[in-house]
All heavy atoms as atom14 arrays in JSON, in Angstrom:
{
  "sequence": "CTMFSPHVVPRIPLYEWIVHTFSRSGMLEQPLVARTEGAPYGLPET",
  "atom14_mask": [
    [1, 1, 1, 1, 1, 1, 0, 0, 0, 0, 0, 0, 0, 0],
    [1, 1, 1, 1, 1, 1, 1, 0, 0, 0, 0, 0, 0, 0],
    [1, 1, 1, 1, 1, 1, 1, 1, 0, 0, 0, 0, 0, 0],
    [1, 1, 1, 1, 1, 1, 1, 1, 1, 1, 1, 0, 0, 0],
    [1, 1, 1, 1, 1, 1, 0, 0, 0, 0, 0, 0, 0, 0],
    [1, 1, 1, 1, 1, 1, 1, 0, 0, 0, 0, 0, 0, 0],
    [1, 1, 1, 1, 1, 1, 1, 1, 1, 1, 0, 0, 0, 0],
    [1, 1, 1, 1, 1, 1, 1, 0, 0, 0, 0, 0, 0, 0],
    [1, 1, 1, 1, 1, 1, 1, 0, 0, 0, 0, 0, 0, 0],
    [1, 1, 1, 1, 1, 1, 1, 0, 0, 0, 0, 0, 0, 0],
    [1, 1, 1, 1, 1, 1, 1, 1, 1, 1, 1, 0, 0, 0],
    [1, 1, 1, 1, 1, 1, 1, 1, 0, 0, 0, 0, 0, 0],
    [1, 1, 1, 1, 1, 1, 1, 0, 0, 0, 0, 0, 0, 0],
    [1, 1, 1, 1, 1, 1, 1, 1, 0, 0, 0, 0, 0, 0],
    [1, 1, 1, 1, 1, 1, 1, 1, 1, 1, 1, 1, 0, 0],
    [1, 1, 1, 1, 1, 1, 1, 1, 1, 0, 0, 0, 0, 0],
    [1, 1, 1, 1, 1, 1, 1, 1, 1, 1, 1, 1, 1, 1],
    [1, 1, 1, 1, 1, 1, 1, 1, 0, 0, 0, 0, 0, 0],
    [1, 1, 1, 1, 1, 1, 1, 0, 0, 0, 0, 0, 0, 0],
    [1, 1, 1, 1, 1, 1, 1, 1, 1, 1, 0, 0, 0, 0],
    [1, 1, 1, 1, 1, 1, 1, 0, 0, 0, 0, 0, 0, 0],
    [1, 1, 1, 1, 1, 1, 1, 1, 1, 1, 1, 0, 0, 0],
    [1, 1, 1, 1, 1, 1, 0, 0, 0, 0, 0, 0, 0, 0],
    [1, 1, 1, 1, 1, 1, 1, 1, 1, 1, 1, 0, 0, 0],
    [1, 1, 1, 1, 1, 1, 0, 0, 0, 0, 0, 0, 0, 0],
    [1, 1, 1, 1, 0, 0, 0, 0, 0, 0, 0, 0, 0, 0],
    [1, 1, 1, 1, 1, 1, 1, 1, 0, 0, 0, 0, 0, 0],
    [1, 1, 1, 1, 1, 1, 1, 1, 0, 0, 0, 0, 0, 0],
    [1, 1, 1, 1, 1, 1, 1, 1, 1, 0, 0, 0, 0, 0],
    [1, 1, 1, 1, 1, 1, 1, 1, 1, 0, 0, 0, 0, 0],
    [1, 1, 1, 1, 1, 1, 1, 0, 0, 0, 0, 0, 0, 0],
    [1, 1, 1, 1, 1, 1, 1, 1, 0, 0, 0, 0, 0, 0],
    [1, 1, 1, 1, 1, 1, 1, 0, 0, 0, 0, 0, 0, 0],
    [1, 1, 1, 1, 1, 0, 0, 0, 0, 0, 0, 0, 0, 0],
    [1, 1, 1, 1, 1, 1, 1, 1, 1, 1, 1, 0, 0, 0],
    [1, 1, 1, 1, 1, 1, 1, 0, 0, 0, 0, 0, 0, 0],
    [1, 1, 1, 1, 1, 1, 1, 1, 1, 0, 0, 0, 0, 0],
    [1, 1, 1, 1, 0, 0, 0, 0, 0, 0, 0, 0, 0, 0],
    [1, 1, 1, 1, 1, 0, 0, 0, 0, 0, 0, 0, 0, 0],
    [1, 1, 1, 1, 1, 1, 1, 0, 0, 0, 0, 0, 0, 0],
    [1, 1, 1, 1, 1, 1, 1, 1, 1, 1, 1, 1, 0, 0],
    [1, 1, 1, 1, 0, 0, 0, 0, 0, 0, 0, 0, 0, 0],
    [1, 1, 1, 1, 1, 1, 1, 1, 0, 0, 0, 0, 0, 0],
    [1, 1, 1, 1, 1, 1, 1, 0, 0, 0, 0, 0, 0, 0],
    [1, 1, 1, 1, 1, 1, 1, 1, 1, 0, 0, 0, 0, 0],
    [1, 1, 1, 1, 1, 1, 1, 0, 0, 0, 0, 0, 0, 0]
  ],
  "atom14_positions": [
    [[0.85, -1.23, 0.04], [0.01, -0.07, -0.04], [0.83, 1.24, -0.02], [0.33, 2.33, -0.25], [-0.96, 0.05, 1.13], [-0.16, -0.16, 2.78], [0.0, 0.0, 0.0], [0.0, 0.0, 0.0], [0.0, 0.0, 0.0], [0.0, 0.0, 0.0], [0.0, 0.0, 0.0], [0.0, 0.0, 0.0], [0.0, 0.0, 0.0], [0.0, 0.0, 0.0]],
    [[2.19, 1.18, 0.35], [2.99, 2.36, 0.28], [3.22, 2.81, -1.19], [3.74, 3.9, -1.4], [4.32, 2.06, 0.93], [5.03, 0.99, 0.24], [4.19, 1.76, 2.39], [0.0, 0.0, 0.0], [0.0, 0.0, 0.0], [0.0, 0.0, 0.0], [0.0, 0.0, 0.0], [0.0, 0.0, 0.0], [0.0, 0.0, 0.0], [0.0, 0.0, 0.0]],
    [[2.81, 2.02, -2.19], [2.88, 2.47, -3.61], [1.96, 3.64, -3.76], [2.11, 4.41, -4.71], [2.6, 1.41, -4.57], [3.65, 0.33, -4.67], [3.37, -0.75, -6.04], [4.87, -1.66, -6.1], [0.0, 0.0, 0.0], [0.0, 0.0, 0.0], [0.0, 0.0, 0.0], [0.0, 0.0, 0.0], [0.0, 0.0, 0.0], [0.0, 0.0, 0.0]],
    [[0.92, 3.74, -2.96], [0.09, 4.98, -2.95], [0.7, 6.04, -2.12], [0.24, 6.4, -1.06], [-1.36, 4.53, -2.4], [-1.98, 3.39, -3.16], [-1.94, 2.12, -2.65], [-2.59, 3.6, -4.44], [-2.42, 1.07, -3.43], [-3.1, 2.56, -5.14], [-3.01, 1.27, -4.68], [0.0, 0.0, 0.0], [0.0, 0.0, 0.0], [0.0, 0.0, 0.0]],
    [[1.65, 6.61, -2.66], [2.52, 7.57, -1.93], [2.93, 8.64, -2.85], [3.19, 8.42, -4.03], [3.77, 6.85, -1.43], [4.74, 7.75, -1.01], [0.0, 0.0, 0.0], [0.0, 0.0, 0.0], [0.0, 0.0, 0.0], [0.0, 0.0, 0.0], [0.0, 0.0, 0.0], [0.0, 0.0, 0.0], [0.0, 0.0, 0.0], [0.0, 0.0, 0.0]],
    [[3.01, 9.78, -2.39], [3.51, 11.03, -3.23], [4.99, 11.04, -3.51], [5.44, 11.82, -4.22], [3.09, 12.21, -2.39], [3.13, 11.85, -0.93], [2.7, 10.38, -0.93], [0.0, 0.0, 0.0], [0.0, 0.0, 0.0], [0.0, 0.0, 0.0], [0.0, 0.0, 0.0], [0.0, 0.0, 0.0], [0.0, 0.0, 0.0], [0.0, 0.0, 0.0]],
    [[5.75, 10.02, -2.84], [7.24, 10.0, -3.11], [7.74, 9.06, -4.12], [8.85, 8.98, -4.33], [7.7, 9.65, -1.67], [7.3, 10.42, -0.56], [7.37, 11.83, -0.44], [6.62, 10.08, 0.62], [6.87, 12.27, 0.64], [6.37, 11.28, 1.29], [0.0, 0.0, 0.0], [0.0, 0.0, 0.0], [0.0, 0.0, 0.0], [0.0, 0.0, 0.0]],
    [[6.76, 8.4, -4.84], [7.24, 7.49, -5.91], [6.5, 7.85, -7.23], [5.44, 8.52, -7.18], [6.95, 5.98, -5.48], [7.64, 5.67, -4.24], [5.39, 5.76, -5.37], [0.0, 0.0, 0.0], [0.0, 0.0, 0.0], [0.0, 0.0, 0.0], [0.0, 0.0, 0.0], [0.0, 0.0, 0.0], [0.0, 0.0, 0.0], [0.0, 0.0, 0.0]],
    [[6.99, 7.37, -8.31], [6.25, 7.47, -9.58], [4.99, 6.59, -9.51], [5.2, 5.34, -9.43], [7.19, 7.13, -10.78], [6.41, 7.29, -12.05], [8.36, 7.98, -10.73], [0.0, 0.0, 0.0], [0.0, 0.0, 0.0], [0.0, 0.0, 0.0], [0.0, 0.0, 0.0], [0.0, 0.0, 0.0], [0.0, 0.0, 0.0], [0.0, 0.0, 0.0]],
    [[3.83, 7.12, -9.57], [2.64, 6.21, -9.39], [2.57, 5.2, -10.53], [2.89, 5.47, -11.66], [1.45, 7.22, -9.51], [2.1, 8.62, -9.3], [3.43, 8.49, -9.84], [0.0, 0.0, 0.0], [0.0, 0.0, 0.0], [0.0, 0.0, 0.0], [0.0, 0.0, 0.0], [0.0, 0.0, 0.0], [0.0, 0.0, 0.0], [0.0, 0.0, 0.0]],
    [[2.19, 3.96, -10.15], [1.89, 2.92, -11.2], [0.41, 2.87, -11.52], [-0.4, 2.44, -10.66], [2.42, 1.67, -10.66], [2.81, 0.66, -11.69], [3.5, -0.53, -11.02], [3.87, -1.49, -12.07], [5.26, -1.79, -12.42], [6.17, -1.04, -11.92], [5.53, -2.65, -13.35], [0.0, 0.0, 0.0], [0.0, 0.0, 0.0], [0.0, 0.0, 0.0]],
    [[0.01, 3.37, -12.6], [-1.42, 3.48, -12.87], [-2.16, 2.16, -12.73], [-3.33, 2.27, -12.15], [-1.62, 3.98, -14.36], [-1.22, 5.45, -14.48], [-3.08, 3.84, -14.82], [-1.27, 5.98, -15.87], [0.0, 0.0, 0.0], [0.0, 0.0, 0.0], [0.0, 0.0, 0.0], [0.0, 0.0, 0.0], [0.0, 0.0, 0.0], [0.0, 0.0, 0.0]],
    [[-1.75, 0.99, -13.11], [-2.57, -0.17, -12.87], [-2.91, -0.47, -11.45], [-3.94, -0.92, -11.11], [-1.63, -1.34, -13.4], [-0.89, -0.68, -14.47], [-0.53, 0.61, -13.95], [0.0, 0.0, 0.0], [0.0, 0.0, 0.0], [0.0, 0.0, 0.0], [0.0, 0.0, 0.0], [0.0, 0.0, 0.0], [0.0, 0.0, 0.0], [0.0, 0.0, 0.0]],
    [[-2.03, 0.0, -10.43], [-2.37, -0.19, -9.02], [-3.52, 0.75, -8.66], [-4.42, 0.35, -7.9], [-1.21, 0.04, -8.22], [-0.2, -1.17, -7.93], [1.05, -0.72, -7.31], [-0.95, -2.22, -7.21], [0.0, 0.0, 0.0], [0.0, 0.0, 0.0], [0.0, 0.0, 0.0], [0.0, 0.0, 0.0], [0.0, 0.0, 0.0], [0.0, 0.0, 0.0]],
    [[-3.47, 1.95, -9.09], [-4.56, 2.91, -8.86], [-5.9, 2.47, -9.49], [-6.92, 2.55, -8.85], [-4.14, 4.35, -9.33], [-3.16, 5.08, -8.45], [-1.88, 4.62, -8.38], [-3.54, 6.0, -7.61], [-0.91, 5.19, -7.53], [-2.59, 6.72, -6.79], [-1.32, 6.3, -6.81], [-0.48, 6.94, -5.98], [0.0, 0.0, 0.0], [0.0, 0.0, 0.0]],
    [[-5.78, 1.98, -10.68], [-7.05, 1.52, -11.32], [-7.56, 0.2, -10.61], [-8.82, -0.07, -10.51], [-6.72, 1.23, -12.76], [-6.55, 2.47, -13.54], [-6.51, 2.27, -15.03], [-5.89, 1.39, -15.53], [-7.1, 3.16, -15.74], [0.0, 0.0, 0.0], [0.0, 0.0, 0.0], [0.0, 0.0, 0.0], [0.0, 0.0, 0.0], [0.0, 0.0, 0.0]],
    [[-6.61, -0.56, -10.07], [-7.06, -1.73, -9.36], [-7.89, -1.34, -8.2], [-8.96, -1.99, -7.86], [-5.82, -2.52, -8.87], [-6.11, -3.44, -7.75], [-6.83, -4.65, -7.71], [-5.78, -3.25, -6.42], [-6.89, -5.15, -6.53], [-6.27, -4.28, -5.59], [-5.07, -2.21, -5.69], [-6.12, -4.39, -4.32], [-4.91, -2.34, -4.31], [-5.47, -3.4, -3.59]],
    [[-7.42, -0.28, -7.44], [-8.21, 0.25, -6.28], [-9.6, 0.64, -6.69], [-10.66, 0.36, -6.13], [-7.53, 1.37, -5.67], [-6.33, 0.95, -4.71], [-8.5, 2.25, -4.78], [-6.81, 0.34, -3.45], [0.0, 0.0, 0.0], [0.0, 0.0, 0.0], [0.0, 0.0, 0.0], [0.0, 0.0, 0.0], [0.0, 0.0, 0.0], [0.0, 0.0, 0.0]],
    [[-9.65, 1.35, -7.88], [-10.94, 1.8, -8.43], [-11.81, 0.71, -8.78], [-13.03, 0.56, -8.39], [-10.73, 2.75, -9.63], [-12.02, 3.07, -10.41], [-9.9, 3.97, -9.27], [0.0, 0.0, 0.0], [0.0, 0.0, 0.0], [0.0, 0.0, 0.0], [0.0, 0.0, 0.0], [0.0, 0.0, 0.0], [0.0, 0.0, 0.0], [0.0, 0.0, 0.0]],
    [[-11.3, -0.32, -9.47], [-12.14, -1.47, -9.99], [-12.52, -2.33, -8.87], [-13.67, -2.92, -8.95], [-11.39, -2.28, -11.01], [-11.31, -1.72, -12.35], [-12.37, -1.91, -13.23], [-10.55, -0.87, -12.94], [-12.1, -1.26, -14.39], [-11.04, -0.59, -14.19], [0.0, 0.0, 0.0], [0.0, 0.0, 0.0], [0.0, 0.0, 0.0], [0.0, 0.0, 0.0]],
    [[-11.77, -2.45, -7.79], [-12.05, -3.39, -6.76], [-12.92, -2.8, -5.57], [-13.73, -3.46, -5.07], [-10.72, -3.93, -6.17], [-9.92, -4.46, -7.15], [-10.99, -4.92, -5.14], [0.0, 0.0, 0.0], [0.0, 0.0, 0.0], [0.0, 0.0, 0.0], [0.0, 0.0, 0.0], [0.0, 0.0, 0.0], [0.0, 0.0, 0.0], [0.0, 0.0, 0.0]],
    [[-12.66, -1.52, -5.39], [-13.31, -0.99, -4.09], [-14.33, 0.17, -4.45], [-14.77, 0.82, -3.4], [-12.24, -0.56, -3.05], [-11.41, -1.66, -2.52], [-10.13, -1.97, -3.06], [-11.98, -2.48, -1.48], [-9.48, -3.02, -2.47], [-11.23, -3.48, -0.98], [-9.97, -3.75, -1.48], [0.0, 0.0, 0.0], [0.0, 0.0, 0.0], [0.0, 0.0, 0.0]],
    [[-14.68, 0.41, -5.62], [-15.77, 1.3, -5.91], [-17.08, 0.84, -5.61], [-18.05, 1.7, -5.48], [-15.67, 1.81, -7.39], [-14.39, 2.41, -7.75], [0.0, 0.0, 0.0], [0.0, 0.0, 0.0], [0.0, 0.0, 0.0], [0.0, 0.0, 0.0], [0.0, 0.0, 0.0], [0.0, 0.0, 0.0], [0.0, 0.0, 0.0], [0.0, 0.0, 0.0]],
    [[-17.34, -0.46, -5.65], [-18.62, -1.03, -5.41], [-18.46, -2.42, -4.8], [-17.35, -2.9, -4.7], [-19.42, -1.02, -6.74], [-18.58, -1.81, -7.82], [-19.4, -1.82, -9.13], [-20.64, -2.51, -8.97], [-21.62, -2.6, -9.84], [-21.51, -1.87, -11.03], [-22.76, -3.28, -9.63], [0.0, 0.0, 0.0], [0.0, 0.0, 0.0], [0.0, 0.0, 0.0]],
    [[-19.54, -3.04, -4.49], [-19.48, -4.33, -3.75], [-18.93, -5.39, -4.79], [-18.12, -6.24, -4.4], [-20.88, -4.8, -3.28], [-21.77, -4.92, -4.28], [0.0, 0.0, 0.0], [0.0, 0.0, 0.0], [0.0, 0.0, 0.0], [0.0, 0.0, 0.0], [0.0, 0.0, 0.0], [0.0, 0.0, 0.0], [0.0, 0.0, 0.0], [0.0, 0.0, 0.0]],
    [[-19.39, -5.34, -6.06], [-18.78, -6.18, -7.06], [-17.6, -5.48, -7.76], [-17.15, -4.43, -7.25], [0.0, 0.0, 0.0], [0.0, 0.0, 0.0], [0.0, 0.0, 0.0], [0.0, 0.0, 0.0], [0.0, 0.0, 0.0], [0.0, 0.0, 0.0], [0.0, 0.0, 0.0], [0.0, 0.0, 0.0], [0.0, 0.0, 0.0], [0.0, 0.0, 0.0]],
    [[-17.09, -5.98, -8.81], [-15.96, -5.36, -9.49], [-16.62, -4.36, -10.51], [-17.61, -4.57, -11.1], [-15.1, -6.32, -10.28], [-14.48, -7.38, -9.37], [-13.34, -6.71, -8.16], [-11.89, -6.37, -9.17], [0.0, 0.0, 0.0], [0.0, 0.0, 0.0], [0.0, 0.0, 0.0], [0.0, 0.0, 0.0], [0.0, 0.0, 0.0], [0.0, 0.0, 0.0]],
    [[-15.91, -3.27, -10.62], [-16.35, -2.2, -11.66], [-16.1, -2.71, -13.05], [-14.95, -3.05, -13.34], [-15.56, -0.89, -11.38], [-15.93, 0.3, -12.2], [-17.37, 0.76, -11.94], [-14.94, 1.46, -11.92], [0.0, 0.0, 0.0], [0.0, 0.0, 0.0], [0.0, 0.0, 0.0], [0.0, 0.0, 0.0], [0.0, 0.0, 0.0], [0.0, 0.0, 0.0]],
    [[-17.15, -2.7, -13.88], [-17.01, -3.19, -15.2], [-16.86, -2.04, -16.22], [-17.8, -1.36, -16.53], [-18.22, -4.01, -15.62], [-18.42, -5.3, -14.84], [-19.53, -6.06, -15.3], [-19.42, -6.77, -16.36], [-20.57, -6.02, -14.68], [0.0, 0.0, 0.0], [0.0, 0.0, 0.0], [0.0, 0.0, 0.0], [0.0, 0.0, 0.0], [0.0, 0.0, 0.0]],
    [[-15.6, -1.82, -16.64], [-15.27, -0.8, -17.73], [-13.82, -1.02, -18.09], [-13.07, -1.62, -17.37], [-15.57, 0.55, -17.35], [-14.76, 1.13, -16.16], [-15.05, 2.51, -15.83], [-16.15, 2.81, -15.22], [-14.21, 3.43, -16.11], [0.0, 0.0, 0.0], [0.0, 0.0, 0.0], [0.0, 0.0, 0.0], [0.0, 0.0, 0.0], [0.0, 0.0, 0.0]],
    [[-13.45, -0.43, -19.23], [-12.03, -0.6, -19.55], [-11.1, 0.0, -18.59], [-11.45, 0.96, -17.89], [-12.03, 0.21, -20.91], [-13.41, 0.23, -21.44], [-14.25, 0.28, -20.24], [0.0, 0.0, 0.0], [0.0, 0.0, 0.0], [0.0, 0.0, 0.0], [0.0, 0.0, 0.0], [0.0, 0.0, 0.0], [0.0, 0.0, 0.0], [0.0, 0.0, 0.0]],
    [[-9.93, -0.62, -18.47], [-8.93, -0.12, -17.52], [-8.49, 1.25, -17.77], [-8.36, 2.05, -16.86], [-7.72, -1.11, -17.53], [-7.91, -2.4, -16.75], [-6.67, -3.26, -16.89], [-8.29, -2.26, -15.37], [0.0, 0.0, 0.0], [0.0, 0.0, 0.0], [0.0, 0.0, 0.0], [0.0, 0.0, 0.0], [0.0, 0.0, 0.0], [0.0, 0.0, 0.0]],
    [[-8.3, 1.55, -19.1], [-7.7, 2.94, -19.33], [-8.6, 3.45, -20.48], [-8.78, 2.79, -21.54], [-6.28, 2.88, -19.77], [-5.78, 4.23, -20.23], [-5.43, 2.4, -18.6], [0.0, 0.0, 0.0], [0.0, 0.0, 0.0], [0.0, 0.0, 0.0], [0.0, 0.0, 0.0], [0.0, 0.0, 0.0], [0.0, 0.0, 0.0], [0.0, 0.0, 0.0]],
    [[-9.06, 4.67, -20.4], [-9.79, 5.31, -21.46], [-9.23, 6.69, -21.59], [-8.88, 7.38, -20.72], [-11.29, 5.44, -21.15], [0.0, 0.0, 0.0], [0.0, 0.0, 0.0], [0.0, 0.0, 0.0], [0.0, 0.0, 0.0], [0.0, 0.0, 0.0], [0.0, 0.0, 0.0], [0.0, 0.0, 0.0], [0.0, 0.0, 0.0], [0.0, 0.0, 0.0]],
    [[-9.18, 7.15, -22.87], [-8.58, 8.4, -23.13], [-9.7, 9.5, -22.81], [-10.95, 9.25, -22.93], [-8.1, 8.58, -24.58], [-7.07, 7.65, -24.93], [-6.52, 7.83, -26.29], [-5.6, 8.91, -26.43], [-4.35, 8.82, -25.96], [-3.93, 7.72, -25.41], [-3.5, 9.88, -26.18], [0.0, 0.0, 0.0], [0.0, 0.0, 0.0], [0.0, 0.0, 0.0]],
    [[-9.27, 10.65, -22.27], [-10.22, 11.52, -21.62], [-10.44, 12.78, -22.45], [-9.45, 13.3, -23.12], [-9.68, 11.97, -20.32], [-9.44, 10.75, -19.61], [-10.72, 12.79, -19.54], [0.0, 0.0, 0.0], [0.0, 0.0, 0.0], [0.0, 0.0, 0.0], [0.0, 0.0, 0.0], [0.0, 0.0, 0.0], [0.0, 0.0, 0.0], [0.0, 0.0, 0.0]],
    [[-11.67, 13.26, -22.62], [-11.9, 14.51, -23.27], [-11.08, 15.68, -22.71], [-10.97, 15.87, -21.49], [-13.35, 14.94, -23.16], [-14.35, 14.18, -23.95], [-14.3, 14.52, -25.46], [-13.99, 15.68, -25.81], [-14.57, 13.64, -26.32], [0.0, 0.0, 0.0], [0.0, 0.0, 0.0], [0.0, 0.0, 0.0], [0.0, 0.0, 0.0], [0.0, 0.0, 0.0]],
    [[-10.32, 16.36, -23.54], [-9.55, 17.5, -23.1], [-8.23, 17.11, -22.45], [-7.5, 17.93, -21.97], [0.0, 0.0, 0.0], [0.0, 0.0, 0.0], [0.0, 0.0, 0.0], [0.0, 0.0, 0.0], [0.0, 0.0, 0.0], [0.0, 0.0, 0.0], [0.0, 0.0, 0.0], [0.0, 0.0, 0.0], [0.0, 0.0, 0.0], [0.0, 0.0, 0.0]],
    [[-7.9, 15.8, -22.5], [-6.63, 15.39, -21.97], [-5.96, 14.55, -23.12], [-6.0, 13.4, -23.11], [-6.79, 14.55, -20.7], [0.0, 0.0, 0.0], [0.0, 0.0, 0.0], [0.0, 0.0, 0.0], [0.0, 0.0, 0.0], [0.0, 0.0, 0.0], [0.0, 0.0, 0.0], [0.0, 0.0, 0.0], [0.0, 0.0, 0.0], [0.0, 0.0, 0.0]],
    [[-5.36, 15.19, -24.05], [-4.82, 14.6, -25.32], [-3.77, 13.49, -24.95], [-3.51, 12.55, -25.74], [-4.23, 15.73, -26.13], [-4.05, 16.78, -25.19], [-5.02, 16.66, -24.05], [0.0, 0.0, 0.0], [0.0, 0.0, 0.0], [0.0, 0.0, 0.0], [0.0, 0.0, 0.0], [0.0, 0.0, 0.0], [0.0, 0.0, 0.0], [0.0, 0.0, 0.0]],
    [[-3.09, 13.57, -23.89], [-2.06, 12.59, -23.53], [-2.71, 11.47, -22.77], [-1.95, 10.58, -22.32], [-0.91, 13.23, -22.72], [-1.3, 13.97, -21.43], [-1.45, 13.26, -20.22], [-1.69, 15.31, -21.59], [-1.92, 13.97, -19.15], [-2.09, 15.97, -20.44], [-2.19, 15.3, -19.21], [-2.6, 15.99, -18.15], [0.0, 0.0, 0.0], [0.0, 0.0, 0.0]],
    [[-3.97, 11.41, -22.55], [-4.64, 10.19, -22.15], [-4.61, 9.92, -20.67], [-4.39, 8.84, -20.19], [0.0, 0.0, 0.0], [0.0, 0.0, 0.0], [0.0, 0.0, 0.0], [0.0, 0.0, 0.0], [0.0, 0.0, 0.0], [0.0, 0.0, 0.0], [0.0, 0.0, 0.0], [0.0, 0.0, 0.0], [0.0, 0.0, 0.0], [0.0, 0.0, 0.0]],
    [[-5.09, 10.91, -19.88], [-5.17, 10.66, -18.41], [-6.29, 9.64, -18.24], [-7.4, 9.78, -18.86], [-5.46, 11.92, -17.69], [-5.37, 11.9, -16.24], [-3.94, 11.75, -15.81], [-5.88, 13.19, -15.52], [0.0, 0.0, 0.0], [0.0, 0.0, 0.0], [0.0, 0.0, 0.0], [0.0, 0.0, 0.0], [0.0, 0.0, 0.0], [0.0, 0.0, 0.0]],
    [[-6.09, 8.61, -17.41], [-7.22, 7.53, -17.4], [-8.47, 8.1, -16.76], [-8.45, 8.65, -15.68], [-6.5, 6.6, -16.34], [-5.09, 6.77, -16.37], [-4.99, 8.37, -16.7], [0.0, 0.0, 0.0], [0.0, 0.0, 0.0], [0.0, 0.0, 0.0], [0.0, 0.0, 0.0], [0.0, 0.0, 0.0], [0.0, 0.0, 0.0], [0.0, 0.0, 0.0]],
    [[-9.55, 7.86, -17.41], [-10.87, 8.28, -16.97], [-11.21, 7.68, -15.64], [-11.8, 8.32, -14.81], [-11.96, 7.97, -18.02], [-13.24, 8.32, -17.7], [-13.46, 9.81, -17.61], [-12.77, 10.62, -18.34], [-14.36, 10.29, -16.86], [0.0, 0.0, 0.0], [0.0, 0.0, 0.0], [0.0, 0.0, 0.0], [0.0, 0.0, 0.0], [0.0, 0.0, 0.0]],
    [[-10.87, 6.43, -15.46], [-11.19, 5.69, -14.17], [-10.5, 6.39, -13.05], [-11.02, 6.37, -11.97], [-10.77, 4.31, -14.24], [-9.38, 4.15, -14.68], [-11.62, 3.4, -15.2], [0.0, 0.0, 0.0], [0.0, 0.0, 0.0], [0.0, 0.0, 0.0], [0.0, 0.0, 0.0], [0.0, 0.0, 0.0], [0.0, 0.0, 0.0], [0.0, 0.0, 0.0]]
  ]
}
């Protein structure tokens, strides 16, 4: 869990794992990474 720290380069799949696993009682069903309106370099929507 120390990977969720401001002192390291964040690893997106770990952050998305938190979103997919703990957003609801089941698993969140949607693509892991989606390109975002207004964010041309592709900040993950999730």
